[in-house]
PDB file of N, CA and C in Angstrom:
ATOM      1  N   MET A   1       0.856  -1.174   0.000  1.00  0.00           N
ATOM      2  CA  MET A   1       0.000   0.000   0.000  1.00  0.00           C
ATOM      3  C   MET A   1       0.899   1.232   0.000  1.00  0.00           C
ATOM      4  N   ARG A   2       0.511   2.210  -0.778  1.00  0.00           N
ATOM      5  CA  ARG A   2       1.236   3.480  -0.869  1.00  0.00           C
ATOM      6  C   ARG A   2       0.290   4.604  -0.491  1.00  0.00           C
ATOM      7  N   GLU A   3       0.864   5.718  -0.042  1.00  0.00           N
ATOM      8  CA  GLU A   3       0.014   6.836   0.332  1.00  0.00           C
ATOM      9  C   GLU A   3       0.749   8.151   0.167  1.00  0.00           C
ATOM     10  N   VAL A   4      -0.054   9.195   0.028  1.00  0.00           N
ATOM     11  CA  VAL A   4       0.467  10.553   0.001  1.00  0.00           C
ATOM     12  C   VAL A   4      -0.556  11.444   0.700  1.00  0.00           C
ATOM     13  N   ARG A   5      -0.041  12.334   1.536  1.00  0.00           N
ATOM     14  CA  ARG A   5      -0.879  13.327   2.213  1.00  0.00           C
ATOM     15  C   ARG A   5      -0.504  14.696   1.657  1.00  0.00           C
ATOM     16  N   ILE A   6      -1.512  15.414   1.174  1.00  0.00           N
ATOM     17  CA  ILE A   6      -1.277  16.703   0.540  1.00  0.00           C
ATOM     18  C   ILE A   6      -1.988  17.785   1.347  1.00  0.00           C
ATOM     19  N   PRO A   7      -1.228  18.624   2.060  1.00  0.00           N
ATOM     20  CA  PRO A   7      -1.882  19.735   2.765  1.00  0.00           C
ATOM     21  C   PRO A   7      -2.376  20.764   1.754  1.00  0.00           C
ATOM     22  N   LEU A   8      -3.643  21.120   1.852  1.00  0.00           N
ATOM     23  CA  LEU A   8      -4.238  22.085   0.922  1.00  0.00           C
ATOM     24  C   LEU A   8      -4.293  23.473   1.532  1.00  0.00           C
ATOM     25  N   SER A   9      -4.348  23.518   2.850  1.00  0.00           N
ATOM     26  CA  SER A   9      -4.322  24.764   3.611  1.00  0.00           C
ATOM     27  C   SER A   9      -3.985  24.378   5.046  1.00  0.00           C
ATOM     28  N   GLY A  10      -4.017  25.348   5.941  1.00  0.00           N
ATOM     29  CA  GLY A  10      -3.758  25.044   7.341  1.00  0.00           C
ATOM     30  C   GLY A  10      -4.811  24.136   7.954  1.00  0.00           C
ATOM     31  N   ALA A  11      -6.003  24.089   7.348  1.00  0.00           N
ATOM     32  CA  ALA A  11      -7.112  23.309   7.898  1.00  0.00           C
ATOM     33  C   ALA A  11      -7.554  22.158   7.006  1.00  0.00           C
ATOM     34  N   GLU A  12      -6.987  22.028   5.795  1.00  0.00           N
ATOM     35  CA  GLU A  12      -7.465  21.020   4.841  1.00  0.00           C
ATOM     36  C   GLU A  12      -6.340  20.081   4.420  1.00  0.00           C
ATOM     37  N   GLU A  13      -6.717  18.810   4.201  1.00  0.00           N
ATOM     38  CA  GLU A  13      -5.736  17.820   3.741  1.00  0.00           C
ATOM     39  C   GLU A  13      -6.413  16.821   2.808  1.00  0.00           C
ATOM     40  N   LEU A  14      -5.725  16.480   1.735  1.00  0.00           N
ATOM     41  CA  LEU A  14      -6.139  15.422   0.827  1.00  0.00           C
ATOM     42  C   LEU A  14      -5.230  14.233   1.086  1.00  0.00           C
ATOM     43  N   HIS A  15      -5.818  13.074   1.344  1.00  0.00           N
ATOM     44  CA  HIS A  15      -5.064  11.863   1.660  1.00  0.00           C
ATOM     45  C   HIS A  15      -5.425  10.793   0.634  1.00  0.00           C
ATOM     46  N   LEU A  16      -4.445  10.378  -0.160  1.00  0.00           N
ATOM     47  CA  LEU A  16      -4.641   9.340  -1.172  1.00  0.00           C
ATOM     48  C   LEU A  16      -3.879   8.093  -0.765  1.00  0.00           C
ATOM     49  N   THR A  17      -4.528   6.946  -0.857  1.00  0.00           N
ATOM     50  CA  THR A  17      -3.845   5.672  -0.673  1.00  0.00           C
ATOM     51  C   THR A  17      -4.198   4.791  -1.859  1.00  0.00           C
ATOM     52  N   TRP A  18      -3.234   3.985  -2.280  1.00  0.00           N
ATOM     53  CA  TRP A  18      -3.496   3.084  -3.393  1.00  0.00           C
ATOM     54  C   TRP A  18      -2.730   1.786  -3.188  1.00  0.00           C
ATOM     55  N   ASP A  19      -3.328   0.730  -3.691  1.00  0.00           N
ATOM     56  CA  ASP A  19      -2.754  -0.603  -3.595  1.00  0.00           C
ATOM     57  C   ASP A  19      -2.642  -1.145  -5.019  1.00  0.00           C
ATOM     58  N   VAL A  20      -1.421  -1.264  -5.486  1.00  0.00           N
ATOM     59  CA  VAL A  20      -1.188  -1.707  -6.865  1.00  0.00           C
ATOM     60  C   VAL A  20      -1.627  -3.158  -7.049  1.00  0.00           C
ATOM     61  N   VAL A  21      -1.374  -4.001  -6.069  1.00  0.00           N
ATOM     62  CA  VAL A  21      -1.721  -5.423  -6.166  1.00  0.00           C
ATOM     63  C   VAL A  21      -3.239  -5.609  -6.176  1.00  0.00           C
ATOM     64  N   GLN A  22      -3.938  -4.897  -5.314  1.00  0.00           N
ATOM     65  CA  GLN A  22      -5.400  -5.027  -5.215  1.00  0.00           C
ATOM     66  C   GLN A  22      -6.153  -4.109  -6.185  1.00  0.00           C
ATOM     67  N   HIS A  23      -5.429  -3.243  -6.907  1.00  0.00           N
ATOM     68  CA  HIS A  23      -6.036  -2.318  -7.876  1.00  0.00           C
ATOM     69  C   HIS A  23      -7.115  -1.452  -7.217  1.00  0.00           C
ATOM     70  N   SER A  24      -6.769  -0.847  -6.086  1.00  0.00           N
ATOM     71  CA  SER A  24      -7.745  -0.024  -5.372  1.00  0.00           C
ATOM     72  C   SER A  24      -7.147   1.337  -5.012  1.00  0.00           C
ATOM     73  N   VAL A  25      -8.045   2.317  -4.855  1.00  0.00           N
ATOM     74  CA  VAL A  25      -7.664   3.687  -4.489  1.00  0.00           C
ATOM     75  C   VAL A  25      -8.663   4.193  -3.453  1.00  0.00           C
ATOM     76  N   ARG A  26      -8.143   4.896  -2.454  1.00  0.00           N
ATOM     77  CA  ARG A  26      -9.005   5.545  -1.467  1.00  0.00           C
ATOM     78  C   ARG A  26      -8.647   7.022  -1.421  1.00  0.00           C
ATOM     79  N   ILE A  27      -9.670   7.869  -1.482  1.00  0.00           N
ATOM     80  CA  ILE A  27      -9.506   9.315  -1.468  1.00  0.00           C
ATOM     81  C   ILE A  27     -10.212   9.842  -0.228  1.00  0.00           C
ATOM     82  N   ARG A  28      -9.444  10.521   0.618  1.00  0.00           N
ATOM     83  CA  ARG A  28     -10.023  11.122   1.816  1.00  0.00           C
ATOM     84  C   ARG A  28      -9.681  12.610   1.849  1.00  0.00           C
ATOM     85  N   TYR A  29     -10.682  13.400   2.180  1.00  0.00           N
ATOM     86  CA  TYR A  29     -10.502  14.844   2.299  1.00  0.00           C
ATOM     87  C   TYR A  29     -10.966  15.264   3.690  1.00  0.00           C
ATOM     88  N   ARG A  30     -10.066  15.931   4.406  1.00  0.00           N
ATOM     89  CA  ARG A  30     -10.377  16.413   5.762  1.00  0.00           C
ATOM     90  C   ARG A  30     -10.354  17.927   5.799  1.00  0.00           C
ATOM     91  N   ARG A  31     -11.288  18.474   6.543  1.00  0.00           N
ATOM     92  CA  ARG A  31     -11.306  19.904   6.843  1.00  0.00           C
ATOM     93  C   ARG A  31     -11.308  19.997   8.361  1.00  0.00           C
ATOM     94  N   GLU A  32     -10.218  20.548   8.887  1.00  0.00           N
ATOM     95  CA  GLU A  32      -9.968  20.571  10.327  1.00  0.00           C
ATOM     96  C   GLU A  32     -10.010  19.132  10.826  1.00  0.00           C
ATOM     97  N   SER A  33     -10.815  18.787  11.802  1.00  0.00           N
ATOM     98  CA  SER A  33     -10.841  17.411  12.298  1.00  0.00           C
ATOM     99  C   SER A  33     -11.952  16.584  11.655  1.00  0.00           C
ATOM    100  N   ASP A  34     -12.697  17.180  10.707  1.00  0.00           N
ATOM    101  CA  ASP A  34     -13.826  16.480  10.078  1.00  0.00           C
ATOM    102  C   ASP A  34     -13.407  15.757   8.814  1.00  0.00           C
ATOM    103  N   LEU A  35     -13.796  14.492   8.703  1.00  0.00           N
ATOM    104  CA  LEU A  35     -13.628  13.742   7.469  1.00  0.00           C
ATOM    105  C   LEU A  35     -14.821  14.091   6.585  1.00  0.00           C
ATOM    106  N   VAL A  36     -14.581  14.838   5.519  1.00  0.00           N
ATOM    107  CA  VAL A  36     -15.650  15.348   4.659  1.00  0.00           C
ATOM    108  C   VAL A  36     -15.961  14.364   3.531  1.00  0.00           C
ATOM    109  N   VAL A  37     -14.917  13.770   2.938  1.00  0.00           N
ATOM    110  CA  VAL A  37     -15.082  12.832   1.826  1.00  0.00           C
ATOM    111  C   VAL A  37     -14.227  11.605   2.095  1.00  0.00           C
ATOM    112  N   ASP A  38     -14.808  10.429   1.872  1.00  0.00           N
ATOM    113  CA  ASP A  38     -14.079   9.159   1.982  1.00  0.00           C
ATOM    114  C   ASP A  38     -14.608   8.248   0.881  1.00  0.00           C
ATOM    115  N   VAL A  39     -13.851   8.131  -0.212  1.00  0.00           N
ATOM    116  CA  VAL A  39     -14.270   7.371  -1.388  1.00  0.00           C
ATOM    117  C   VAL A  39     -13.277   6.237  -1.621  1.00  0.00           C
ATOM    118  N   PHE A  40     -13.794   5.033  -1.823  1.00  0.00           N
ATOM    119  CA  PHE A  40     -12.958   3.863  -2.094  1.00  0.00           C
ATOM    120  C   PHE A  40     -13.399   3.279  -3.425  1.00  0.00           C
ATOM    121  N   ARG A  41     -12.436   3.047  -4.321  1.00  0.00           N
ATOM    122  CA  ARG A  41     -12.731   2.459  -5.627  1.00  0.00           C
ATOM    123  C   ARG A  41     -11.843   1.247  -5.859  1.00  0.00           C
ATOM    124  N   GLU A  42     -12.463   0.173  -6.367  1.00  0.00           N
ATOM    125  CA  GLU A  42     -11.744  -1.053  -6.706  1.00  0.00           C
ATOM    126  C   GLU A  42     -11.654  -1.184  -8.218  1.00  0.00           C
ATOM    127  N   ARG A  43     -10.821  -2.122  -8.642  1.00  0.00           N
ATOM    128  CA  ARG A  43     -10.601  -2.404 -10.064  1.00  0.00           C
ATOM    129  C   ARG A  43     -10.160  -1.158 -10.819  1.00  0.00           C
ATOM    130  N   VAL A  44      -9.256  -0.422 -10.186  1.00  0.00           N
ATOM    131  CA  VAL A  44      -8.725   0.813 -10.767  1.00  0.00           C
ATOM    132  C   VAL A  44      -7.752   0.477 -11.889  1.00  0.00           C
ATOM    133  N   THR A  45      -7.910   1.144 -13.014  1.00  0.00           N
ATOM    134  CA  THR A  45      -7.025   0.932 -14.163  1.00  0.00           C
ATOM    135  C   THR A  45      -6.058   2.092 -14.362  1.00  0.00           C
ATOM    136  N   VAL A  46      -6.427   3.296 -13.879  1.00  0.00           N
ATOM    137  CA  VAL A  46      -5.574   4.480 -14.040  1.00  0.00           C
ATOM    138  C   VAL A  46      -5.669   5.336 -12.782  1.00  0.00           C
ATOM    139  N   LEU A  47      -4.519   5.779 -12.293  1.00  0.00           N
ATOM    140  CA  LEU A  47      -4.421   6.798 -11.249  1.00  0.00           C
ATOM    141  C   LEU A  47      -3.380   7.783 -11.729  1.00  0.00           C
ATOM    142  N   THR A  48      -3.784   9.030 -11.966  1.00  0.00           N
ATOM    143  CA  THR A  48      -2.865  10.005 -12.533  1.00  0.00           C
ATOM    144  C   THR A  48      -3.198  11.412 -12.036  1.00  0.00           C
ATOM    145  N   ILE A  49      -2.291  12.315 -12.306  1.00  0.00           N
ATOM    146  CA  ILE A  49      -2.494  13.734 -12.014  1.00  0.00           C
ATOM    147  C   ILE A  49      -2.568  14.459 -13.346  1.00  0.00           C
ATOM    148  N   GLU A  50      -3.649  15.207 -13.557  1.00  0.00           N
ATOM    149  CA  GLU A  50      -3.822  15.982 -14.782  1.00  0.00           C
ATOM    150  C   GLU A  50      -3.533  17.449 -14.488  1.00  0.00           C
ATOM    151  N   ARG A  51      -2.982  18.138 -15.450  1.00  0.00           N
ATOM    152  CA  ARG A  51      -2.731  19.575 -15.320  1.00  0.00           C
ATOM    153  C   ARG A  51      -3.905  20.345 -15.884  1.00  0.00           C
ATOM    154  N   HIS A  52      -4.387  21.306 -15.109  1.00  0.00           N
ATOM    155  CA  HIS A  52      -5.470  22.188 -15.541  1.00  0.00           C
ATOM    156  C   HIS A  52      -5.088  23.618 -15.191  1.00  0.00           C
ATOM    157  N   GLU A  53      -5.772  24.572 -15.780  1.00  0.00           N
ATOM    158  CA  GLU A  53      -5.469  25.983 -15.521  1.00  0.00           C
ATOM    159  C   GLU A  53      -5.577  26.326 -14.042  1.00  0.00           C
ATOM    160  N   THR A  54      -6.545  25.737 -13.350  1.00  0.00           N
ATOM    161  CA  THR A  54      -6.767  26.056 -11.939  1.00  0.00           C
ATOM    162  C   THR A  54      -5.834  25.289 -11.009  1.00  0.00           C
ATOM    163  N   GLY A  55      -5.141  24.280 -11.533  1.00  0.00           N
ATOM    164  CA  GLY A  55      -4.230  23.486 -10.707  1.00  0.00           C
ATOM    165  C   GLY A  55      -4.366  22.009 -11.005  1.00  0.00           C
ATOM    166  N   PRO A  56      -3.617  21.178 -10.282  1.00  0.00           N
ATOM    167  CA  PRO A  56      -3.640  19.746 -10.556  1.00  0.00           C
ATOM    168  C   PRO A  56      -4.973  19.103 -10.178  1.00  0.00           C
ATOM    169  N   VAL A  57      -5.326  18.053 -10.933  1.00  0.00           N
ATOM    170  CA  VAL A  57      -6.541  17.278 -10.695  1.00  0.00           C
ATOM    171  C   VAL A  57      -6.134  15.808 -10.618  1.00  0.00           C
ATOM    172  N   VAL A  58      -6.553  15.132  -9.546  1.00  0.00           N
ATOM    173  CA  VAL A  58      -6.315  13.702  -9.408  1.00  0.00           C
ATOM    174  C   VAL A  58      -7.412  12.991 -10.193  1.00  0.00           C
ATOM    175  N   ALA A  59      -7.020  12.084 -11.092  1.00  0.00           N
ATOM    176  CA  ALA A  59      -7.985  11.344 -11.905  1.00  0.00           C
ATOM    177  C   ALA A  59      -7.823   9.850 -11.659  1.00  0.00           C
ATOM    178  N   VAL A  60      -8.948   9.181 -11.448  1.00  0.00           N
ATOM    179  CA  VAL A  60      -8.980   7.743 -11.202  1.00  0.00           C
ATOM    180  C   VAL A  60      -9.980   7.131 -12.176  1.00  0.00           C
ATOM    181  N   GLU A  61      -9.543   6.120 -12.912  1.00  0.00           N
ATOM    182  CA  GLU A  61     -10.453   5.388 -13.785  1.00  0.00           C
ATOM    183  C   GLU A  61     -10.570   3.974 -13.250  1.00  0.00           C
ATOM    184  N   TYR A  62     -11.789   3.421 -13.295  1.00  0.00           N
ATOM    185  CA  TYR A  62     -12.022   2.089 -12.739  1.00  0.00           C
ATOM    186  C   TYR A  62     -13.090   1.367 -13.550  1.00  0.00           C
ATOM    187  N   ARG A  63     -13.143   0.054 -13.384  1.00  0.00           N
ATOM    188  CA  ARG A  63     -14.099  -0.772 -14.123  1.00  0.00           C
ATOM    189  C   ARG A  63     -14.801  -1.725 -13.164  1.00  0.00           C
ATOM    190  N   ALA A  64     -16.015  -2.029 -13.487  1.00  0.00           N
ATOM    191  CA  ALA A  64     -16.781  -3.073 -12.830  1.00  0.00           C
ATOM    192  C   ALA A  64     -17.452  -3.854 -13.946  1.00  0.00           C
ATOM    193  N   GLU A  65     -18.062  -4.950 -13.637  1.00  0.00           N
ATOM    194  CA  GLU A  65     -18.681  -5.759 -14.676  1.00  0.00           C
ATOM    195  C   GLU A  65     -19.764  -4.960 -15.398  1.00  0.00           C
ATOM    196  N   GLY A  66     -19.547  -4.710 -16.678  1.00  0.00           N
ATOM    197  CA  GLY A  66     -20.506  -3.979 -17.485  1.00  0.00           C
ATOM    198  C   GLY A  66     -20.520  -2.471 -17.256  1.00  0.00           C
ATOM    199  N   CYS A  67     -19.548  -1.966 -16.496  1.00  0.00           N
ATOM    200  CA  CYS A  67     -19.514  -0.531 -16.185  1.00  0.00           C
ATOM    201  C   CYS A  67     -18.081  -0.014 -16.221  1.00  0.00           C
ATOM    202  N   SER A  68     -17.960   1.279 -16.437  1.00  0.00           N
ATOM    203  CA  SER A  68     -16.673   1.942 -16.292  1.00  0.00           C
ATOM    204  C   SER A  68     -16.924   3.272 -15.596  1.00  0.00           C
ATOM    205  N   GLY A  69     -15.934   3.705 -14.821  1.00  0.00           N
ATOM    206  CA  GLY A  69     -16.118   4.924 -14.061  1.00  0.00           C
ATOM    207  C   GLY A  69     -14.879   5.790 -14.067  1.00  0.00           C
ATOM    208  N   ARG A  70     -15.091   7.048 -13.693  1.00  0.00           N
ATOM    209  CA  ARG A  70     -13.990   8.001 -13.607  1.00  0.00           C
ATOM    210  C   ARG A  70     -14.295   8.969 -12.469  1.00  0.00           C
ATOM    211  N   ALA A  71     -13.354   9.085 -11.555  1.00  0.00           N
ATOM    212  CA  ALA A  71     -13.461  10.053 -10.465  1.00  0.00           C
ATOM    213  C   ALA A  71     -12.377  11.101 -10.663  1.00  0.00           C
ATOM    214  N   ARG A  72     -12.729  12.354 -10.400  1.00  0.00           N
ATOM    215  CA  ARG A  72     -11.763  13.456 -10.520  1.00  0.00           C
ATOM    216  C   ARG A  72     -11.851  14.310  -9.272  1.00  0.00           C
ATOM    217  N   VAL A  73     -10.688  14.634  -8.725  1.00  0.00           N
ATOM    218  CA  VAL A  73     -10.613  15.463  -7.525  1.00  0.00           C
ATOM    219  C   VAL A  73      -9.870  16.740  -7.867  1.00  0.00           C
ATOM    220  N   ARG A  74     -10.557  17.847  -7.711  1.00  0.00           N
ATOM    221  CA  ARG A  74      -9.961  19.166  -7.920  1.00  0.00           C
ATOM    222  C   ARG A  74      -9.718  19.782  -6.544  1.00  0.00           C
ATOM    223  N   THR A  75      -8.571  20.401  -6.371  1.00  0.00           N
ATOM    224  CA  THR A  75      -8.259  21.020  -5.076  1.00  0.00           C
ATOM    225  C   THR A  75      -8.248  22.540  -5.127  1.00  0.00           C
ATOM    226  N   ARG A  76      -8.160  23.126  -6.314  1.00  0.00           N
ATOM    227  CA  ARG A  76      -8.136  24.576  -6.459  1.00  0.00           C
ATOM    228  C   ARG A  76      -9.154  25.002  -7.490  1.00  0.00           C
ATOM    229  N   PRO A  77      -9.849  26.079  -7.340  1.00  0.00           N
ATOM    230  CA  PRO A  77      -9.786  27.037  -6.245  1.00  0.00           C
ATOM    231  C   PRO A  77     -10.425  26.515  -4.963  1.00  0.00           C
ATOM    232  N   ALA A  78     -11.251  25.468  -5.057  1.00  0.00           N
ATOM    233  CA  ALA A  78     -11.848  24.833  -3.882  1.00  0.00           C
ATOM    234  C   ALA A  78     -11.943  23.343  -4.151  1.00  0.00           C
ATOM    235  N   PHE A  79     -12.025  22.550  -3.104  1.00  0.00           N
ATOM    236  CA  PHE A  79     -12.124  21.104  -3.254  1.00  0.00           C
ATOM    237  C   PHE A  79     -13.424  20.738  -3.959  1.00  0.00           C
ATOM    238  N   ALA A  80     -13.330  19.812  -4.920  1.00  0.00           N
ATOM    239  CA  ALA A  80     -14.515  19.289  -5.600  1.00  0.00           C
ATOM    240  C   ALA A  80     -14.222  17.862  -6.047  1.00  0.00           C
ATOM    241  N   LEU A  81     -15.205  16.987  -5.907  1.00  0.00           N
ATOM    242  CA  LEU A  81     -15.106  15.594  -6.342  1.00  0.00           C
ATOM    243  C   LEU A  81     -16.213  15.317  -7.346  1.00  0.00           C
ATOM    244  N   THR A  82     -15.831  14.798  -8.508  1.00  0.00           N
ATOM    245  CA  THR A  82     -16.779  14.361  -9.519  1.00  0.00           C
ATOM    246  C   THR A  82     -16.544  12.871  -9.721  1.00  0.00           C
ATOM    247  N   ASP A  83     -17.601  12.074  -9.654  1.00  0.00           N
ATOM    248  CA  ASP A  83     -17.473  10.622  -9.807  1.00  0.00           C
ATOM    249  C   ASP A  83     -18.615  10.142 -10.695  1.00  0.00           C
ATOM    250  N   VAL A  84     -18.273   9.571 -11.844  1.00  0.00           N
ATOM    251  CA  VAL A  84     -19.272   9.152 -12.819  1.00  0.00           C
ATOM    252  C   VAL A  84     -19.077   7.661 -13.117  1.00  0.00           C
ATOM    253  N   LEU A  85     -20.161   6.891 -13.030  1.00  0.00           N
ATOM    254  CA  LEU A  85     -20.151   5.468 -13.356  1.00  0.00           C
ATOM    255  C   LEU A  85     -21.158   5.240 -14.469  1.00  0.00           C
ATOM    256  N   LEU A  86     -20.696   4.675 -15.590  1.00  0.00           N
ATOM    257  CA  LEU A  86     -21.557   4.470 -16.748  1.00  0.00           C
ATOM    258  C   LEU A  86     -21.584   3.010 -17.154  1.00  0.00           C
ATOM    259  N   GLN A  87     -22.739   2.546 -17.620  1.00  0.00           N
ATOM    260  CA  GLN A  87     -22.825   1.195 -18.153  1.00  0.00           C
ATOM    261  C   GLN A  87     -22.159   1.168 -19.512  1.00  0.00           C
ATOM    262  N   THR A  88     -21.443   0.064 -19.778  1.00  0.00           N
ATOM    263  CA  THR A  88     -20.770  -0.061 -21.074  1.00  0.00           C
ATOM    264  C   THR A  88     -21.444  -1.095 -21.934  1.00  0.00           C
TER     265      THR A  88
END
């Protein structure tokens, strides 16, 4: 298991963990002592950082039987999570 903790401000932190063997990713976002977002995805095929005008975006692509999904985490100008699962 690998992890990275990214401080976004004095009160905010993005915590990513991933397991290459199990093909899984967990995204946690904390504001002060509150866990605001906790997302776990299995069968991950891509974990990458994309460059955008507003700043880096964490992108996760994953598959399930008959479905494919993509989660994107933006940290600037404010935290936002988009997660889309579509039938294939």
